N, C-alpha and C. Protein backbone atom coordinates (compact mmCIF):
# COMPACT_ATOMS: atom_id res chain seq x y z
N MET A 1 80.66 99.23 105.50
CA MET A 1 80.17 100.85 105.68
C MET A 1 81.80 101.82 104.95
N LEU A 2 81.23 103.13 104.67
CA LEU A 2 81.79 104.00 103.93
C LEU A 2 82.13 104.86 104.65
N ASN A 3 83.57 105.67 105.07
CA ASN A 3 83.68 106.83 105.19
C ASN A 3 84.51 107.62 103.75
N LYS A 4 83.90 108.09 103.82
CA LYS A 4 85.16 109.42 102.52
C LYS A 4 84.98 110.51 102.74
N ILE A 5 85.49 110.77 102.47
CA ILE A 5 85.61 112.98 102.41
C ILE A 5 86.26 113.46 100.91
N ILE A 6 86.69 114.55 100.60
CA ILE A 6 86.50 115.01 99.82
C ILE A 6 86.76 116.67 100.05
N LEU A 7 87.60 117.10 100.47
CA LEU A 7 87.77 118.47 100.81
C LEU A 7 88.60 118.72 99.20
N MET A 8 87.94 120.58 99.90
CA MET A 8 89.11 122.01 98.85
C MET A 8 89.03 122.46 99.01
N GLY A 9 90.28 123.12 99.79
CA GLY A 9 90.21 124.27 100.57
C GLY A 9 91.70 124.97 100.58
N ARG A 10 91.88 126.07 101.29
CA ARG A 10 93.05 127.30 101.23
C ARG A 10 93.54 126.08 102.84
N LEU A 11 94.92 126.38 102.98
CA LEU A 11 96.12 126.38 104.14
C LEU A 11 95.75 127.40 104.98
N THR A 12 95.11 127.19 106.12
CA THR A 12 96.17 127.76 107.81
C THR A 12 96.36 128.32 108.09
N ARG A 13 97.32 127.27 108.28
CA ARG A 13 98.93 127.61 108.28
C ARG A 13 99.63 126.79 107.78
N ASP A 14 101.51 126.65 107.80
CA ASP A 14 101.74 126.03 107.06
C ASP A 14 101.97 124.76 107.79
N PRO A 15 101.84 123.29 107.28
CA PRO A 15 101.86 122.39 107.98
C PRO A 15 103.22 121.61 108.17
N GLU A 16 102.61 121.10 109.76
CA GLU A 16 103.64 120.95 110.77
C GLU A 16 104.21 119.85 110.85
N LEU A 17 105.04 119.12 110.23
CA LEU A 17 105.60 117.84 109.90
C LEU A 17 106.45 117.37 111.67
N ARG A 18 106.46 115.80 111.74
CA ARG A 18 107.21 115.94 113.63
C ARG A 18 107.28 114.55 112.72
N ARG A 19 107.88 113.24 113.30
CA ARG A 19 108.12 112.13 113.28
C ARG A 19 107.33 110.67 114.86
N THR A 20 107.11 110.33 114.10
CA THR A 20 106.79 109.24 115.74
C THR A 20 108.20 108.08 115.55
N GLU A 21 108.50 107.80 117.47
CA GLU A 21 109.58 106.79 117.96
C GLU A 21 110.02 106.50 117.01
N SER A 22 109.09 105.55 116.06
CA SER A 22 110.22 104.61 115.29
C SER A 22 109.97 104.79 113.49
N GLY A 23 110.00 106.77 113.94
CA GLY A 23 110.49 107.44 112.68
C GLY A 23 110.09 107.74 111.63
N THR A 24 108.30 107.31 112.09
CA THR A 24 107.29 107.32 110.52
C THR A 24 106.91 109.21 110.39
N ALA A 25 106.45 109.42 109.03
CA ALA A 25 106.41 111.03 109.42
C ALA A 25 105.32 111.11 109.59
N VAL A 26 104.32 111.99 110.23
CA VAL A 26 103.36 112.60 110.18
C VAL A 26 102.71 114.12 110.82
N CYS A 27 101.81 114.39 109.37
CA CYS A 27 101.77 116.14 108.72
C CYS A 27 100.66 116.16 109.66
N SER A 28 100.72 117.56 110.67
CA SER A 28 98.78 118.16 110.63
C SER A 28 98.86 119.58 109.91
N PHE A 29 98.10 119.55 109.04
CA PHE A 29 97.65 121.05 109.52
C PHE A 29 96.18 121.40 108.64
N SER A 30 95.80 122.73 108.80
CA SER A 30 94.30 122.46 108.74
C SER A 30 94.40 123.39 107.34
N ILE A 31 92.78 123.06 107.12
CA ILE A 31 91.72 123.74 105.88
C ILE A 31 91.22 124.78 106.27
N ALA A 32 90.45 125.59 105.08
CA ALA A 32 89.39 126.22 106.04
C ALA A 32 88.78 125.99 104.27
N VAL A 33 88.09 125.52 105.00
CA VAL A 33 86.60 125.28 103.33
C VAL A 33 85.42 126.29 103.19
N ASP A 34 84.78 127.40 102.16
CA ASP A 34 84.08 127.93 102.27
C ASP A 34 82.56 127.66 102.19
N ARG A 35 81.66 127.80 103.10
CA ARG A 35 80.58 127.48 103.32
C ARG A 35 79.93 127.60 101.39
N ASP A 36 78.76 127.02 101.60
CA ASP A 36 77.81 127.51 99.89
C ASP A 36 76.98 128.43 99.99
N PHE A 37 76.42 128.72 101.54
CA PHE A 37 75.25 129.90 101.68
C PHE A 37 76.05 131.06 102.64
N LYS A 38 75.49 132.24 102.06
CA LYS A 38 76.05 133.53 102.88
C LYS A 38 75.13 133.96 104.06
N SER A 39 75.89 134.38 104.98
CA SER A 39 75.13 134.88 106.25
C SER A 39 73.88 135.84 106.01
N GLN A 40 72.78 135.69 106.94
CA GLN A 40 71.21 136.58 106.58
C GLN A 40 71.70 137.66 106.76
N SER A 41 72.52 137.74 108.59
CA SER A 41 73.22 138.36 108.98
C SER A 41 74.27 139.59 108.82
N THR A 42 74.77 138.66 108.43
CA THR A 42 76.25 139.80 108.09
C THR A 42 75.82 139.50 106.10
N GLY A 43 75.68 138.82 105.23
CA GLY A 43 75.98 138.45 103.60
C GLY A 43 76.96 138.08 104.13
N GLU A 44 77.34 137.82 104.60
CA GLU A 44 78.96 137.16 104.03
C GLU A 44 79.45 135.43 104.13
N ARG A 45 79.72 134.87 102.93
CA ARG A 45 79.70 132.97 103.43
C ARG A 45 80.91 133.30 104.77
N GLY A 46 80.44 132.11 105.10
CA GLY A 46 81.51 131.47 106.37
C GLY A 46 82.39 130.77 105.38
N ALA A 47 83.28 129.89 106.03
CA ALA A 47 84.18 129.00 106.38
C ALA A 47 84.40 127.11 107.66
N ASP A 48 84.43 126.91 107.01
CA ASP A 48 84.66 125.68 108.46
C ASP A 48 86.44 125.72 108.13
N PHE A 49 86.73 124.92 109.56
CA PHE A 49 88.31 125.13 109.53
C PHE A 49 88.35 123.59 109.75
N ILE A 50 88.88 122.90 108.86
CA ILE A 50 89.35 121.08 108.97
C ILE A 50 90.55 121.13 109.48
N ASN A 51 91.12 120.54 111.01
CA ASN A 51 92.16 119.99 110.56
C ASN A 51 92.49 118.71 110.43
N ILE A 52 93.24 118.97 109.63
CA ILE A 52 93.85 117.10 108.87
C ILE A 52 94.87 116.76 109.14
N VAL A 53 95.27 115.50 109.40
CA VAL A 53 96.70 114.29 109.74
C VAL A 53 97.17 113.71 108.39
N ALA A 54 98.24 113.92 108.55
CA ALA A 54 98.88 112.97 106.74
C ALA A 54 99.17 111.89 107.18
N TRP A 55 100.33 110.90 107.00
CA TRP A 55 101.00 109.84 107.27
C TRP A 55 101.93 109.52 106.38
N ARG A 56 103.24 110.07 106.06
CA ARG A 56 103.93 108.37 106.10
C ARG A 56 104.26 109.84 104.76
N GLN A 57 104.33 108.44 103.11
CA GLN A 57 105.01 110.07 101.90
C GLN A 57 104.30 110.84 101.63
N THR A 58 102.98 111.07 102.17
CA THR A 58 101.38 111.64 101.69
C THR A 58 102.35 113.05 102.38
N ALA A 59 102.83 112.61 104.30
CA ALA A 59 102.65 113.49 105.09
C ALA A 59 104.29 114.57 104.56
N GLU A 60 105.34 113.53 103.98
CA GLU A 60 106.25 113.78 103.01
C GLU A 60 106.35 115.46 102.43
N PHE A 61 105.21 115.11 101.18
CA PHE A 61 104.25 115.90 100.31
C PHE A 61 104.17 116.81 101.31
N VAL A 62 103.04 117.45 101.13
CA VAL A 62 102.69 118.27 102.24
C VAL A 62 103.80 118.83 102.51
N SER A 63 104.19 118.37 103.81
CA SER A 63 105.31 119.36 103.66
C SER A 63 105.94 119.83 103.40
N ARG A 64 106.94 119.30 102.07
CA ARG A 64 107.55 119.87 100.98
C ARG A 64 106.57 121.50 100.23
N PHE A 65 105.76 120.51 99.57
CA PHE A 65 105.32 121.50 98.80
C PHE A 65 104.10 122.22 98.96
N LEU A 66 103.37 122.09 100.32
CA LEU A 66 102.40 122.72 100.31
C LEU A 66 103.01 123.93 101.69
N THR A 67 101.99 125.90 101.86
CA THR A 67 102.54 126.52 103.09
C THR A 67 101.14 127.00 103.40
N LYS A 68 100.94 127.37 103.82
CA LYS A 68 99.44 128.59 104.52
C LYS A 68 99.57 129.44 103.26
N GLY A 69 98.23 129.40 102.88
CA GLY A 69 97.43 130.19 101.19
C GLY A 69 97.13 129.61 100.40
N ARG A 70 97.89 128.53 100.07
CA ARG A 70 97.94 127.41 98.71
C ARG A 70 96.65 126.27 99.27
N LEU A 71 96.09 126.68 97.88
CA LEU A 71 94.98 125.87 98.28
C LEU A 71 95.10 124.11 97.69
N ALA A 72 94.25 123.30 98.40
CA ALA A 72 94.22 122.13 98.19
C ALA A 72 93.28 121.27 97.91
N ILE A 73 93.57 119.99 97.89
CA ILE A 73 92.65 118.88 96.97
C ILE A 73 92.80 117.77 98.62
N VAL A 74 92.06 117.22 99.60
CA VAL A 74 92.32 116.01 100.44
C VAL A 74 90.73 114.94 100.31
N GLU A 75 91.57 114.19 100.29
CA GLU A 75 90.44 113.11 99.53
C GLU A 75 91.57 111.70 101.35
N GLY A 76 90.08 111.47 101.78
CA GLY A 76 90.47 110.76 103.12
C GLY A 76 89.33 109.92 103.58
N LYS A 77 89.86 110.30 105.65
CA LYS A 77 88.65 109.71 105.76
C LYS A 77 88.04 110.20 107.67
N LEU A 78 87.11 110.47 107.70
CA LEU A 78 86.53 110.77 109.59
C LEU A 78 86.65 110.02 109.84
N GLN A 79 87.93 110.29 111.23
CA GLN A 79 87.90 110.05 112.23
C GLN A 79 88.17 110.43 113.70
N THR A 80 87.74 110.03 114.96
CA THR A 80 87.95 110.70 115.77
C THR A 80 88.22 110.27 117.15
N ARG A 81 88.97 110.93 117.75
CA ARG A 81 89.57 110.06 119.05
C ARG A 81 89.46 111.26 119.95
N ASP A 82 89.51 110.28 121.29
CA ASP A 82 89.99 111.18 122.56
C ASP A 82 90.69 110.44 123.38
N TYR A 83 91.42 111.73 124.32
CA TYR A 83 92.26 111.58 124.26
C TYR A 83 92.44 112.35 126.42
N THR A 84 93.08 112.38 127.09
CA THR A 84 92.59 113.24 128.70
C THR A 84 94.02 113.88 128.60
N ASP A 85 93.62 115.83 129.02
CA ASP A 85 94.26 117.28 128.28
C ASP A 85 95.25 116.77 129.89
N ARG A 86 95.32 117.95 130.63
CA ARG A 86 96.33 117.83 131.60
C ARG A 86 95.71 118.04 132.88
N ASP A 87 94.21 118.52 132.99
CA ASP A 87 93.66 118.33 134.05
C ASP A 87 92.41 117.93 133.99
N GLY A 88 92.62 116.35 132.91
CA GLY A 88 92.39 115.27 133.26
C GLY A 88 90.80 115.27 132.94
N ASN A 89 90.24 116.15 132.16
CA ASN A 89 89.30 115.49 131.11
C ASN A 89 90.15 115.48 129.94
N ARG A 90 88.43 114.71 129.08
CA ARG A 90 88.56 113.47 128.77
C ARG A 90 87.91 114.77 127.10
N ARG A 91 88.30 114.88 126.53
CA ARG A 91 88.20 115.40 125.37
C ARG A 91 88.47 115.12 123.95
N TYR A 92 88.32 114.78 122.47
CA TYR A 92 87.49 114.89 122.08
C TYR A 92 88.02 115.31 121.05
N ALA A 93 89.19 114.67 120.17
CA ALA A 93 89.09 115.50 118.41
C ALA A 93 88.72 114.66 117.13
N THR A 94 88.11 115.03 116.92
CA THR A 94 87.72 115.31 115.32
C THR A 94 87.90 115.43 114.22
N GLU A 95 89.01 114.69 113.00
CA GLU A 95 90.12 115.48 112.27
C GLU A 95 89.76 114.43 110.80
N VAL A 96 90.03 114.46 109.53
CA VAL A 96 90.57 114.49 108.34
C VAL A 96 91.93 113.29 108.62
N ALA A 97 92.01 112.39 108.52
CA ALA A 97 92.93 111.37 108.11
C ALA A 97 92.94 111.30 106.73
N ALA A 98 93.98 111.79 105.87
CA ALA A 98 94.23 111.88 104.72
C ALA A 98 95.16 110.78 104.45
N ASP A 99 94.07 110.28 103.28
CA ASP A 99 94.81 109.21 102.05
C ASP A 99 95.11 110.23 101.15
N ASN A 100 95.11 111.26 100.38
CA ASN A 100 96.28 111.44 99.11
C ASN A 100 95.98 112.75 99.38
N VAL A 101 96.72 113.69 98.78
CA VAL A 101 96.25 115.24 99.26
C VAL A 101 96.80 116.24 97.35
N TYR A 102 96.18 116.69 96.73
CA TYR A 102 96.81 117.19 95.77
C TYR A 102 96.41 119.00 96.19
N PHE A 103 97.80 119.28 94.70
CA PHE A 103 97.53 120.83 94.68
C PHE A 103 95.61 120.81 94.11
N GLY A 104 95.45 122.05 94.45
CA GLY A 104 94.60 122.91 94.19
C GLY A 104 94.70 123.72 93.72
N ASP A 105 95.89 124.76 93.11
CA ASP A 105 96.12 125.67 92.29
C ASP A 105 97.25 125.53 91.41
N SER A 106 97.06 126.50 90.58
CA SER A 106 98.97 126.51 90.10
C SER A 106 100.01 126.77 91.46
N ARG A 107 101.71 126.46 90.83
CA ARG A 107 102.04 126.80 91.52
C ARG A 107 102.17 128.67 91.08
N ARG A 108 102.89 129.13 92.59
CA ARG A 108 103.01 130.91 92.34
C ARG A 108 104.27 131.24 91.74
């Protein structure tokens, strides 16, 4: 089976670096990816907002060098997980697990 995603977009917020109980670095961020087509009603391009999670050295790299507004190229795989929220409802989350993250623009 094949599960490979390559996305290029701008960070919508600063990355959030955390550590697991065992000390493993994990970083969450999201990117806005422009759509290829314009809306017929408004004439503007829409965007998709993609949640991304990076682990270990990739997480360290993202939290250290990328900030809101920077263009990033993300290579990884799509994953879905489920959890129970505070009200006891079952929720699903779909995100990209980043294997590699690259700069998409030059440094400002």
